[in-house]
C-alpha atoms as a PDB file:
ATOM      1  CA  MET A   1       0.000   0.000   0.000  1.00  0.00           C
ATOM      2  CA  LYS A   2       1.526   3.292  -1.044  1.00  0.00           C
ATOM      3  CA  GLU A   3      -1.327   5.789  -0.892  1.00  0.00           C
ATOM      4  CA  VAL A   4      -4.338   6.427   1.287  1.00  0.00           C
ATOM      5  CA  CYS A   5      -7.342   8.485   0.202  1.00  0.00           C
ATOM      6  CA  LEU A   6      -9.395  10.191   2.925  1.00  0.00           C
ATOM      7  CA  PRO A   7     -12.021  12.850   2.198  1.00  0.00           C
ATOM      8  CA  PHE A   8     -11.778  16.017   4.301  1.00  0.00           C
ATOM      9  CA  THR A   9     -14.977  17.871   3.593  1.00  0.00           C
ATOM     10  CA  ASP A  10     -14.892  20.580   6.227  1.00  0.00           C
ATOM     11  CA  LEU A  11     -11.264  21.659   6.596  1.00  0.00           C
ATOM     12  CA  LYS A  12     -11.210  25.436   7.008  1.00  0.00           C
ATOM     13  CA  ASP A  13      -8.476  27.886   6.048  1.00  0.00           C
ATOM     14  CA  ASN A  14      -5.555  27.955   8.458  1.00  0.00           C
ATOM     15  CA  GLU A  15      -6.414  24.571  10.033  1.00  0.00           C
ATOM     16  CA  ILE A  16      -4.060  21.593  10.363  1.00  0.00           C
ATOM     17  CA  ALA A  17      -5.253  17.999  10.073  1.00  0.00           C
ATOM     18  CA  GLU A  18      -3.052  15.085  11.098  1.00  0.00           C
ATOM     19  CA  VAL A  19      -3.848  11.444  10.327  1.00  0.00           C
ATOM     20  CA  GLU A  20      -2.034   8.413  11.693  1.00  0.00           C
ATOM     21  CA  ILE A  21      -2.699   4.982  10.185  1.00  0.00           C
ATOM     22  CA  ARG A  22      -1.552   1.702  11.742  1.00  0.00           C
ATOM     23  CA  ILE A  23      -1.259  -1.397   9.605  1.00  0.00           C
ATOM     24  CA  SER A  24      -1.909  -4.348  11.930  1.00  0.00           C
ATOM     25  CA  GLU A  25       0.526  -7.149  11.192  1.00  0.00           C
ATOM     26  CA  ARG A  26       3.344  -5.072   9.756  1.00  0.00           C
ATOM     27  CA  LYS A  27       3.183  -2.565  12.636  1.00  0.00           C
ATOM     28  CA  ARG A  28       3.960   0.314  10.343  1.00  0.00           C
ATOM     29  CA  VAL A  29       2.681   3.780  11.113  1.00  0.00           C
ATOM     30  CA  LEU A  30       1.922   6.157   8.253  1.00  0.00           C
ATOM     31  CA  LYS A  31       1.524   9.802   9.142  1.00  0.00           C
ATOM     32  CA  TYR A  32      -0.134  12.423   6.956  1.00  0.00           C
ATOM     33  CA  ARG A  33      -0.621  16.122   7.570  1.00  0.00           C
ATOM     34  CA  ILE A  34      -2.648  18.782   5.774  1.00  0.00           C
ATOM     35  CA  GLU A  35      -1.479  22.326   6.443  1.00  0.00           C
ATOM     36  CA  SER A  36      -2.858  25.642   5.248  1.00  0.00           C
ATOM     37  CA  PHE A  37      -0.519  28.441   4.246  1.00  0.00           C
ATOM     38  CA  ALA A  38      -1.477  32.057   3.606  1.00  0.00           C
ATOM     39  CA  LEU A  39      -0.514  33.316   0.167  1.00  0.00           C
ATOM     40  CA  ALA A  40      -0.859  36.926   1.314  1.00  0.00           C
ATOM     41  CA  PRO A  41      -2.012  38.769   4.447  1.00  0.00           C
ATOM     42  CA  PRO A  42      -5.779  39.470   4.334  1.00  0.00           C
ATOM     43  CA  GLU A  43      -5.229  43.245   4.127  1.00  0.00           C
ATOM     44  CA  LYS A  44      -3.031  42.964   1.016  1.00  0.00           C
ATOM     45  CA  LYS A  45      -4.265  42.464  -2.518  1.00  0.00           C
ATOM     46  CA  LYS A  46      -4.192  38.903  -3.779  1.00  0.00           C
ATOM     47  CA  PRO A  47      -0.912  37.950  -5.463  1.00  0.00           C
ATOM     48  CA  GLY A  48      -0.773  37.175  -9.168  1.00  0.00           C
ATOM     49  CA  THR A  49      -0.193  33.652 -10.483  1.00  0.00           C
ATOM     50  CA  ASN A  50       3.602  33.969 -10.713  1.00  0.00           C
ATOM     51  CA  GLU A  51       3.771  35.415  -7.190  1.00  0.00           C
ATOM     52  CA  LYS A  52       1.654  32.518  -5.877  1.00  0.00           C
ATOM     53  CA  ILE A  53       3.923  29.976  -7.560  1.00  0.00           C
ATOM     54  CA  ASN A  54       7.052  31.580  -6.104  1.00  0.00           C
ATOM     55  CA  LEU A  55       5.516  31.795  -2.611  1.00  0.00           C
ATOM     56  CA  LEU A  56       4.442  28.170  -2.835  1.00  0.00           C
ATOM     57  CA  ARG A  57       7.943  27.072  -3.901  1.00  0.00           C
ATOM     58  CA  GLU A  58       9.458  28.876  -0.921  1.00  0.00           C
ATOM     59  CA  MET A  59       6.928  27.342   1.513  1.00  0.00           C
ATOM     60  CA  ILE A  60       7.668  23.854   0.202  1.00  0.00           C
ATOM     61  CA  LYS A  61      11.468  24.357   0.365  1.00  0.00           C
ATOM     62  CA  ALA A  62      11.290  25.716   3.921  1.00  0.00           C
ATOM     63  CA  TYR A  63       9.055  22.929   5.260  1.00  0.00           C
ATOM     64  CA  ASP A  64      10.373  20.302   7.685  1.00  0.00           C
ATOM     65  CA  PRO A  65      12.551  17.910   5.605  1.00  0.00           C
ATOM     66  CA  ASP A  66      11.169  14.901   7.531  1.00  0.00           C
ATOM     67  CA  TRP A  67       7.910  15.408   5.628  1.00  0.00           C
ATOM     68  CA  GLU A  68       7.448  14.988   1.863  1.00  0.00           C
ATOM     69  CA  LEU A  69       4.908  16.859  -0.224  1.00  0.00           C
ATOM     70  CA  ILE A  70       2.235  14.547  -1.613  1.00  0.00           C
ATOM     71  CA  GLN A  71      -0.386  16.892  -3.040  1.00  0.00           C
ATOM     72  CA  ILE A  72      -1.363  20.532  -3.407  1.00  0.00           C
ATOM     73  CA  LEU A  73      -5.089  20.707  -2.676  1.00  0.00           C
ATOM     74  CA  ASP A  74      -7.624  23.014  -4.307  1.00  0.00           C
ATOM     75  CA  SER A  75      -8.296  26.146  -2.274  1.00  0.00           C
ATOM     76  CA  ASN A  76     -11.757  27.314  -1.330  1.00  0.00           C
ATOM     77  CA  GLU A  77     -13.169  29.879  -3.741  1.00  0.00           C
ATOM     78  CA  GLY A  78     -11.797  33.342  -2.910  1.00  0.00           C
ATOM     79  CA  SER A  79      -9.445  31.974  -0.254  1.00  0.00           C
ATOM     80  CA  ASN A  80      -6.042  33.484   0.463  1.00  0.00           C
ATOM     81  CA  TYR A  81      -4.802  30.063   1.631  1.00  0.00           C
ATOM     82  CA  VAL A  82      -3.433  26.999  -0.093  1.00  0.00           C
ATOM     83  CA  GLN A  83      -3.549  23.569   1.540  1.00  0.00           C
ATOM     84  CA  LEU A  84      -0.678  21.110   1.206  1.00  0.00           C
ATOM     85  CA  LEU A  85      -0.752  17.390   1.994  1.00  0.00           C
ATOM     86  CA  TYR A  86       2.461  15.930   3.428  1.00  0.00           C
ATOM     87  CA  ARG A  87       3.532  12.382   4.384  1.00  0.00           C
ATOM     88  CA  TYR A  88       6.073  11.664   7.109  1.00  0.00           C
ATOM     89  CA  LYS A  89       9.201  10.037   5.610  1.00  0.00           C
ATOM     90  CA  LYS A  90      10.672   8.192   8.595  1.00  0.00           C
END
């Protein structure tokens, strides 16, 4: 098993969700985390596409190296946040 799909239907901006999965006989723990990151402070105008991409690159580079990026999730309409799904490497 390499991937796990769990629907998160009510995760709000700026919330963190952590999921831990235990696989019985192999005693392996898989850890996943969804984090929200602000693309711009609420009082500032929304950044353009290139600015968003550059901000996102910097957020991913600066994140804890023990976690690997799995997916960039769709933001809520009009949101200033982007949600990233990470999996723990160790």
